[in-house]
């Protein structure tokens, strides 16, 4: 399995990278975000929202699990950190197979409910604001997406 890397020097660059990625996304795309607290998962999602022309303020759905935003494509922003039981049916598949883009923070906690093909992005804090983004595609569509965004 291939993986791709991109480095950013500040939150603005992280958001800009995500906005560029958003321009390539299609209905039904799923992005899993992994990283420690403060690694930039919500900042990344805010960049995606900007790239999807979403005007509403995007913040972490920590206590609501899923927030929906309207833009060029709907954005389904999920934070599954507080999901107690990964087998609990919260209807994630309806979002994953829907007409928008799903972004799942802490996706490993519901790994058994994730689709077989998706893009996982690991965000690592290198220094103060510097981040290393490691993109791990599962499936041909996401492999091509990575090649295109990093070309």
N, C-alpha and C. Protein backbone atom coordinates (compact mmCIF):
# COMPACT_ATOMS: atom_id res chain seq x y z
N UNK A 1 0.84 -1.18 0.00
CA UNK A 1 0.00 0.00 0.00
C UNK A 1 0.89 1.24 0.00
N UNK A 2 0.62 2.14 -0.93
CA UNK A 2 1.38 3.38 -1.01
C UNK A 2 0.93 4.36 0.05
N UNK A 3 1.86 5.23 0.40
CA UNK A 3 1.50 6.35 1.24
C UNK A 3 2.23 7.57 0.71
N UNK A 4 1.66 8.72 0.97
CA UNK A 4 2.17 9.97 0.45
C UNK A 4 2.32 10.93 1.61
N UNK A 5 3.30 11.86 1.50
CA UNK A 5 3.53 12.81 2.58
C UNK A 5 3.51 14.23 2.08
N UNK A 6 3.06 15.13 2.94
CA UNK A 6 3.06 16.56 2.66
C UNK A 6 3.35 17.27 3.97
N UNK A 7 4.19 18.30 3.92
CA UNK A 7 4.52 19.05 5.14
C UNK A 7 3.98 20.46 5.04
N UNK A 8 3.49 20.97 6.17
CA UNK A 8 3.01 22.34 6.24
C UNK A 8 3.72 23.06 7.38
N UNK A 9 3.86 24.37 7.24
CA UNK A 9 4.59 25.16 8.23
C UNK A 9 3.67 25.89 9.20
N UNK A 10 2.36 25.92 8.89
CA UNK A 10 1.43 26.61 9.78
C UNK A 10 0.00 26.15 9.47
N UNK A 11 -0.93 26.59 10.30
CA UNK A 11 -2.33 26.19 10.15
C UNK A 11 -2.90 26.64 8.81
N UNK A 12 -2.48 27.81 8.34
CA UNK A 12 -2.96 28.32 7.05
C UNK A 12 -2.56 27.38 5.91
N UNK A 13 -1.33 26.90 5.92
CA UNK A 13 -0.89 25.97 4.88
C UNK A 13 -1.65 24.64 4.96
N UNK A 14 -1.92 24.18 6.17
CA UNK A 14 -2.70 22.95 6.34
C UNK A 14 -4.09 23.14 5.74
N UNK A 15 -4.71 24.26 6.04
CA UNK A 15 -6.03 24.56 5.49
C UNK A 15 -6.01 24.70 3.98
N UNK A 16 -4.96 25.32 3.45
CA UNK A 16 -4.84 25.49 2.01
C UNK A 16 -4.72 24.14 1.31
N UNK A 17 -3.92 23.24 1.87
CA UNK A 17 -3.79 21.90 1.30
C UNK A 17 -5.15 21.20 1.29
N UNK A 18 -5.89 21.29 2.38
CA UNK A 18 -7.20 20.66 2.48
C UNK A 18 -8.18 21.27 1.47
N UNK A 19 -8.11 22.58 1.27
CA UNK A 19 -9.00 23.24 0.31
C UNK A 19 -8.72 22.75 -1.10
N UNK A 20 -7.44 22.56 -1.43
CA UNK A 20 -7.08 22.03 -2.75
C UNK A 20 -7.62 20.61 -2.91
N UNK A 21 -7.50 19.81 -1.86
CA UNK A 21 -8.03 18.45 -1.90
C UNK A 21 -9.54 18.47 -2.11
N UNK A 22 -10.23 19.39 -1.45
CA UNK A 22 -11.70 19.48 -1.54
C UNK A 22 -12.16 19.66 -2.97
N UNK A 23 -11.38 20.39 -3.76
CA UNK A 23 -11.75 20.64 -5.16
C UNK A 23 -11.78 19.36 -5.99
N UNK A 24 -11.13 18.31 -5.50
CA UNK A 24 -11.06 17.04 -6.24
C UNK A 24 -12.05 16.00 -5.72
N UNK A 25 -12.74 16.31 -4.65
CA UNK A 25 -13.61 15.33 -4.02
C UNK A 25 -14.93 15.16 -4.76
N UNK A 26 -15.52 13.97 -4.58
CA UNK A 26 -16.77 13.60 -5.23
C UNK A 26 -17.76 13.09 -4.19
N UNK A 27 -19.04 13.07 -4.54
CA UNK A 27 -20.02 12.50 -3.61
C UNK A 27 -19.64 11.07 -3.22
N UNK A 28 -19.78 10.78 -1.94
CA UNK A 28 -19.46 9.45 -1.43
C UNK A 28 -18.02 9.28 -0.98
N UNK A 29 -17.17 10.30 -1.17
CA UNK A 29 -15.79 10.19 -0.71
C UNK A 29 -15.74 10.22 0.81
N UNK A 30 -14.83 9.42 1.36
CA UNK A 30 -14.67 9.33 2.81
C UNK A 30 -13.21 9.60 3.16
N UNK A 31 -13.02 10.53 4.10
CA UNK A 31 -11.68 10.86 4.59
C UNK A 31 -11.65 10.59 6.08
N UNK A 32 -10.74 9.74 6.48
CA UNK A 32 -10.53 9.43 7.89
C UNK A 32 -9.35 10.26 8.38
N UNK A 33 -9.54 10.99 9.47
CA UNK A 33 -8.48 11.82 10.04
C UNK A 33 -8.02 11.23 11.36
N UNK A 34 -6.70 11.07 11.46
CA UNK A 34 -6.10 10.54 12.68
C UNK A 34 -5.01 11.48 13.15
N UNK A 35 -4.88 11.61 14.44
CA UNK A 35 -3.82 12.44 15.01
C UNK A 35 -4.15 12.75 16.46
N UNK A 36 -3.13 13.08 17.21
CA UNK A 36 -3.32 13.41 18.62
C UNK A 36 -4.19 14.66 18.76
N UNK A 37 -4.66 14.91 19.98
CA UNK A 37 -5.37 16.15 20.26
C UNK A 37 -4.49 17.33 19.86
N UNK A 38 -5.06 18.27 19.16
CA UNK A 38 -4.30 19.45 18.75
C UNK A 38 -3.44 19.25 17.52
N UNK A 39 -3.56 18.10 16.85
CA UNK A 39 -2.73 17.83 15.67
C UNK A 39 -3.21 18.60 14.45
N UNK A 40 -4.46 19.04 14.46
CA UNK A 40 -4.96 19.83 13.33
C UNK A 40 -6.09 19.20 12.55
N UNK A 41 -6.77 18.23 13.13
CA UNK A 41 -7.86 17.55 12.42
C UNK A 41 -9.00 18.53 12.09
N UNK A 42 -9.38 19.35 13.04
CA UNK A 42 -10.45 20.31 12.78
C UNK A 42 -9.98 21.41 11.84
N UNK A 43 -8.75 21.85 11.98
CA UNK A 43 -8.19 22.84 11.05
C UNK A 43 -8.21 22.30 9.63
N UNK A 44 -7.85 21.03 9.48
CA UNK A 44 -7.89 20.39 8.17
C UNK A 44 -9.32 20.40 7.62
N UNK A 45 -10.28 20.04 8.46
CA UNK A 45 -11.68 19.99 8.03
C UNK A 45 -12.18 21.38 7.66
N UNK A 46 -11.74 22.40 8.38
CA UNK A 46 -12.12 23.77 8.05
C UNK A 46 -11.60 24.14 6.66
N UNK A 47 -10.40 23.67 6.32
CA UNK A 47 -9.85 23.91 4.98
C UNK A 47 -10.67 23.20 3.91
N UNK A 48 -11.08 21.97 4.20
CA UNK A 48 -11.95 21.24 3.26
C UNK A 48 -13.24 22.01 3.05
N UNK A 49 -13.82 22.50 4.13
CA UNK A 49 -15.08 23.25 4.04
C UNK A 49 -14.90 24.49 3.17
N UNK A 50 -13.80 25.17 3.34
CA UNK A 50 -13.54 26.36 2.52
C UNK A 50 -13.47 25.96 1.04
N UNK A 51 -12.79 24.86 0.74
CA UNK A 51 -12.69 24.38 -0.63
C UNK A 51 -14.01 23.93 -1.21
N UNK A 52 -14.97 23.60 -0.35
CA UNK A 52 -16.31 23.20 -0.79
C UNK A 52 -17.28 24.38 -0.76
N UNK A 53 -16.76 25.59 -0.57
CA UNK A 53 -17.57 26.82 -0.53
C UNK A 53 -18.61 26.80 0.58
N UNK A 54 -18.25 26.25 1.72
CA UNK A 54 -19.14 26.24 2.88
C UNK A 54 -18.89 27.54 3.64
N UNK A 55 -19.95 28.29 3.87
CA UNK A 55 -19.84 29.60 4.50
C UNK A 55 -19.96 29.55 6.03
N UNK A 56 -20.62 28.51 6.54
CA UNK A 56 -20.81 28.38 7.98
C UNK A 56 -19.48 28.09 8.69
N UNK A 57 -19.38 28.50 9.93
CA UNK A 57 -18.20 28.20 10.73
C UNK A 57 -18.17 26.71 11.06
N UNK A 58 -17.05 26.09 10.77
CA UNK A 58 -16.89 24.65 11.03
C UNK A 58 -16.09 24.49 12.32
N UNK A 59 -16.66 23.73 13.26
CA UNK A 59 -15.94 23.42 14.48
C UNK A 59 -16.14 21.94 14.80
N UNK A 60 -15.42 21.47 15.77
CA UNK A 60 -15.47 20.05 16.08
C UNK A 60 -16.83 19.62 16.60
N UNK A 61 -17.36 18.51 16.07
CA UNK A 61 -18.66 18.01 16.53
C UNK A 61 -18.53 17.08 17.74
N UNK A 62 -17.60 17.37 18.62
CA UNK A 62 -17.27 16.48 19.73
C UNK A 62 -18.48 15.97 20.50
N UNK A 63 -19.43 16.83 20.79
CA UNK A 63 -20.56 16.41 21.62
C UNK A 63 -21.80 16.04 20.82
N UNK A 64 -21.79 16.30 19.52
CA UNK A 64 -22.94 15.96 18.69
C UNK A 64 -22.65 14.79 17.76
N UNK A 65 -21.44 14.37 17.67
CA UNK A 65 -20.91 13.29 16.83
C UNK A 65 -20.89 13.68 15.35
N UNK A 66 -21.99 14.19 14.78
CA UNK A 66 -22.02 14.52 13.36
C UNK A 66 -22.60 15.91 13.15
N UNK A 67 -21.89 16.71 12.36
CA UNK A 67 -22.41 18.01 11.92
C UNK A 67 -22.47 17.99 10.40
N UNK A 68 -23.52 18.56 9.86
CA UNK A 68 -23.70 18.61 8.42
C UNK A 68 -23.61 20.06 7.94
N UNK A 69 -22.92 20.25 6.82
CA UNK A 69 -22.75 21.58 6.24
C UNK A 69 -23.09 21.51 4.76
N UNK A 70 -23.68 22.59 4.24
CA UNK A 70 -24.04 22.64 2.82
C UNK A 70 -23.04 23.50 2.07
N UNK A 71 -22.58 22.99 0.92
CA UNK A 71 -21.67 23.71 0.04
C UNK A 71 -21.81 23.12 -1.35
N UNK A 72 -20.72 23.19 -2.15
CA UNK A 72 -20.75 22.56 -3.48
C UNK A 72 -21.15 21.09 -3.35
N UNK A 73 -20.65 20.47 -2.32
CA UNK A 73 -21.07 19.12 -1.90
C UNK A 73 -21.38 19.21 -0.41
N UNK A 74 -22.34 18.43 0.08
CA UNK A 74 -22.54 18.40 1.53
C UNK A 74 -21.28 17.86 2.23
N UNK A 75 -20.99 18.38 3.38
CA UNK A 75 -19.88 17.91 4.20
C UNK A 75 -20.45 17.33 5.48
N UNK A 76 -20.12 16.07 5.74
CA UNK A 76 -20.53 15.40 6.97
C UNK A 76 -19.29 15.27 7.85
N UNK A 77 -19.24 16.07 8.89
CA UNK A 77 -18.07 16.11 9.78
C UNK A 77 -18.38 15.31 11.04
N UNK A 78 -17.66 14.22 11.23
CA UNK A 78 -17.92 13.31 12.34
C UNK A 78 -16.73 13.28 13.29
N UNK A 79 -17.03 13.29 14.56
CA UNK A 79 -16.02 13.10 15.59
C UNK A 79 -16.50 11.93 16.44
N UNK A 80 -15.87 10.78 16.24
CA UNK A 80 -16.35 9.56 16.90
C UNK A 80 -15.55 9.23 18.17
N UNK A 81 -14.82 10.22 18.68
CA UNK A 81 -14.01 10.00 19.88
C UNK A 81 -14.84 9.49 21.05
N UNK A 82 -16.07 9.97 21.18
CA UNK A 82 -16.91 9.62 22.32
C UNK A 82 -17.89 8.49 22.03
N UNK A 83 -17.77 7.85 20.88
CA UNK A 83 -18.64 6.72 20.58
C UNK A 83 -18.19 5.56 21.46
N UNK A 84 -19.05 5.15 22.36
CA UNK A 84 -18.68 4.16 23.37
C UNK A 84 -18.49 2.76 22.80
N UNK A 85 -19.32 2.39 21.85
CA UNK A 85 -19.30 1.03 21.33
C UNK A 85 -19.22 1.08 19.82
N UNK A 86 -18.12 0.58 19.25
CA UNK A 86 -17.93 0.65 17.80
C UNK A 86 -18.99 -0.15 17.05
N UNK A 87 -19.69 -1.04 17.73
CA UNK A 87 -20.72 -1.83 17.07
C UNK A 87 -22.09 -1.14 17.10
N UNK A 88 -22.18 -0.04 17.85
CA UNK A 88 -23.43 0.70 17.92
C UNK A 88 -23.76 1.25 16.53
N UNK A 89 -24.98 1.01 16.06
CA UNK A 89 -25.37 1.45 14.73
C UNK A 89 -25.88 2.88 14.80
N UNK A 90 -25.04 3.81 14.35
CA UNK A 90 -25.42 5.22 14.34
C UNK A 90 -25.73 5.70 12.93
N UNK A 91 -25.80 4.76 11.98
CA UNK A 91 -26.16 5.12 10.61
C UNK A 91 -25.05 5.75 9.81
N UNK A 92 -23.80 5.47 10.17
CA UNK A 92 -22.68 6.05 9.44
C UNK A 92 -22.72 5.69 7.95
N UNK A 93 -23.13 4.45 7.64
CA UNK A 93 -23.13 4.01 6.25
C UNK A 93 -24.03 4.88 5.38
N UNK A 94 -25.08 5.44 5.93
CA UNK A 94 -25.95 6.33 5.16
C UNK A 94 -25.19 7.58 4.73
N UNK A 95 -24.29 8.05 5.57
CA UNK A 95 -23.45 9.20 5.21
C UNK A 95 -22.38 8.77 4.21
N UNK A 96 -21.71 7.64 4.49
CA UNK A 96 -20.62 7.19 3.63
C UNK A 96 -21.09 6.91 2.20
N UNK A 97 -22.33 6.47 2.07
CA UNK A 97 -22.87 6.15 0.76
C UNK A 97 -23.74 7.27 0.21
N UNK A 98 -23.72 8.42 0.87
CA UNK A 98 -24.60 9.53 0.51
C UNK A 98 -24.04 10.41 -0.59
N UNK A 99 -24.63 11.60 -0.68
CA UNK A 99 -24.31 12.52 -1.77
C UNK A 99 -23.26 13.56 -1.38
N UNK A 100 -22.60 13.36 -0.25
CA UNK A 100 -21.61 14.32 0.20
C UNK A 100 -20.27 13.69 0.50
N UNK A 101 -19.45 14.46 1.17
CA UNK A 101 -18.11 14.04 1.59
C UNK A 101 -18.16 13.82 3.10
N UNK A 102 -17.68 12.67 3.55
CA UNK A 102 -17.64 12.36 4.98
C UNK A 102 -16.21 12.51 5.49
N UNK A 103 -16.07 13.24 6.58
CA UNK A 103 -14.77 13.38 7.25
C UNK A 103 -14.96 12.82 8.65
N UNK A 104 -14.14 11.83 9.01
CA UNK A 104 -14.29 11.15 10.29
C UNK A 104 -13.03 11.34 11.13
N UNK A 105 -13.16 12.10 12.22
CA UNK A 105 -12.04 12.24 13.16
C UNK A 105 -12.05 11.05 14.11
N UNK A 106 -10.87 10.53 14.42
CA UNK A 106 -10.68 9.37 15.29
C UNK A 106 -11.31 8.12 14.64
N UNK A 107 -11.18 8.01 13.34
CA UNK A 107 -11.85 6.96 12.56
C UNK A 107 -11.51 5.54 13.02
N UNK A 108 -10.32 5.34 13.56
CA UNK A 108 -9.94 3.99 13.98
C UNK A 108 -10.90 3.41 15.02
N UNK A 109 -11.64 4.29 15.72
CA UNK A 109 -12.56 3.82 16.75
C UNK A 109 -13.81 3.14 16.17
N UNK A 110 -14.08 3.38 14.88
CA UNK A 110 -15.22 2.72 14.23
C UNK A 110 -14.74 2.00 12.96
N UNK A 111 -13.52 1.50 13.02
CA UNK A 111 -12.89 0.88 11.85
C UNK A 111 -13.78 -0.17 11.18
N UNK A 112 -14.50 -0.94 11.98
CA UNK A 112 -15.35 -2.00 11.44
C UNK A 112 -16.56 -1.45 10.69
N UNK A 113 -16.86 -0.16 10.81
CA UNK A 113 -17.99 0.45 10.12
C UNK A 113 -17.58 1.29 8.92
N UNK A 114 -16.28 1.46 8.74
CA UNK A 114 -15.78 2.28 7.64
C UNK A 114 -15.88 1.52 6.31
N UNK A 115 -16.04 2.25 5.22
CA UNK A 115 -16.07 1.57 3.92
C UNK A 115 -14.69 0.98 3.58
N UNK A 116 -14.68 0.03 2.67
CA UNK A 116 -13.43 -0.63 2.28
C UNK A 116 -12.46 0.30 1.57
N UNK A 117 -12.97 1.30 0.89
CA UNK A 117 -12.13 2.26 0.19
C UNK A 117 -12.33 3.64 0.81
N UNK A 118 -11.22 4.28 1.14
CA UNK A 118 -11.24 5.61 1.74
C UNK A 118 -9.84 6.17 1.75
N UNK A 119 -9.72 7.42 2.17
CA UNK A 119 -8.42 8.05 2.32
C UNK A 119 -8.21 8.36 3.79
N UNK A 120 -7.17 7.79 4.37
CA UNK A 120 -6.82 8.09 5.76
C UNK A 120 -5.69 9.11 5.74
N UNK A 121 -5.85 10.16 6.52
CA UNK A 121 -4.81 11.18 6.64
C UNK A 121 -4.39 11.25 8.10
N UNK A 122 -3.12 10.97 8.32
CA UNK A 122 -2.53 11.06 9.66
C UNK A 122 -1.87 12.43 9.77
N UNK A 123 -2.19 13.17 10.82
CA UNK A 123 -1.59 14.48 11.05
C UNK A 123 -0.63 14.36 12.24
N UNK A 124 0.62 14.70 11.97
CA UNK A 124 1.64 14.63 13.01
C UNK A 124 2.18 16.02 13.28
N UNK A 125 2.27 16.37 14.55
CA UNK A 125 2.85 17.64 14.94
C UNK A 125 4.37 17.48 14.94
N UNK A 126 5.03 18.24 14.07
CA UNK A 126 6.49 18.16 13.97
C UNK A 126 7.15 19.18 14.92
N UNK A 127 6.68 20.40 14.82
CA UNK A 127 7.12 21.50 15.70
C UNK A 127 5.90 22.35 15.99
N UNK A 128 6.09 23.48 16.63
CA UNK A 128 5.00 24.38 17.01
C UNK A 128 3.80 24.29 16.06
N UNK A 129 3.90 24.85 14.88
CA UNK A 129 2.79 24.85 13.92
C UNK A 129 3.04 23.93 12.73
N UNK A 130 4.20 23.35 12.64
CA UNK A 130 4.55 22.48 11.51
C UNK A 130 3.84 21.14 11.63
N UNK A 131 3.29 20.69 10.52
CA UNK A 131 2.60 19.40 10.49
C UNK A 131 3.14 18.56 9.35
N UNK A 132 3.15 17.26 9.59
CA UNK A 132 3.45 16.29 8.54
C UNK A 132 2.16 15.52 8.31
N UNK A 133 1.67 15.56 7.08
CA UNK A 133 0.45 14.86 6.72
C UNK A 133 0.84 13.60 5.95
N UNK A 134 0.41 12.47 6.43
CA UNK A 134 0.67 11.20 5.76
C UNK A 134 -0.67 10.70 5.23
N UNK A 135 -0.74 10.59 3.91
CA UNK A 135 -1.96 10.17 3.24
C UNK A 135 -1.84 8.70 2.87
N UNK A 136 -2.79 7.90 3.32
CA UNK A 136 -2.80 6.46 3.05
C UNK A 136 -4.10 6.12 2.32
N UNK A 137 -4.02 5.93 1.00
CA UNK A 137 -5.22 5.62 0.24
C UNK A 137 -5.54 4.13 0.26
N UNK A 138 -6.82 3.83 0.33
CA UNK A 138 -7.30 2.45 0.17
C UNK A 138 -8.25 2.46 -1.01
N UNK A 139 -7.80 1.93 -2.12
CA UNK A 139 -8.61 1.91 -3.33
C UNK A 139 -8.01 2.77 -4.42
N UNK A 140 -8.26 2.39 -5.65
CA UNK A 140 -7.70 3.07 -6.82
C UNK A 140 -8.10 4.54 -6.88
N UNK A 141 -9.35 4.85 -6.59
CA UNK A 141 -9.80 6.25 -6.64
C UNK A 141 -8.96 7.13 -5.72
N UNK A 142 -8.70 6.65 -4.51
CA UNK A 142 -7.96 7.45 -3.54
C UNK A 142 -6.46 7.49 -3.86
N UNK A 143 -5.96 6.43 -4.47
CA UNK A 143 -4.57 6.42 -4.93
C UNK A 143 -4.38 7.53 -5.98
N UNK A 144 -5.30 7.61 -6.95
CA UNK A 144 -5.23 8.63 -7.99
C UNK A 144 -5.41 10.03 -7.40
N UNK A 145 -6.29 10.14 -6.42
CA UNK A 145 -6.53 11.41 -5.76
C UNK A 145 -5.24 11.92 -5.11
N UNK A 146 -4.52 11.04 -4.44
CA UNK A 146 -3.26 11.41 -3.79
C UNK A 146 -2.23 11.86 -4.83
N UNK A 147 -2.14 11.12 -5.91
CA UNK A 147 -1.18 11.49 -6.96
C UNK A 147 -1.52 12.85 -7.54
N UNK A 148 -2.79 13.12 -7.71
CA UNK A 148 -3.21 14.40 -8.29
C UNK A 148 -2.95 15.55 -7.34
N UNK A 149 -3.28 15.40 -6.08
CA UNK A 149 -3.12 16.51 -5.13
C UNK A 149 -1.64 16.79 -4.86
N UNK A 150 -0.79 15.78 -4.96
CA UNK A 150 0.63 15.96 -4.66
C UNK A 150 1.49 16.18 -5.90
N UNK A 151 0.85 16.25 -7.07
CA UNK A 151 1.61 16.45 -8.33
C UNK A 151 2.18 17.85 -8.40
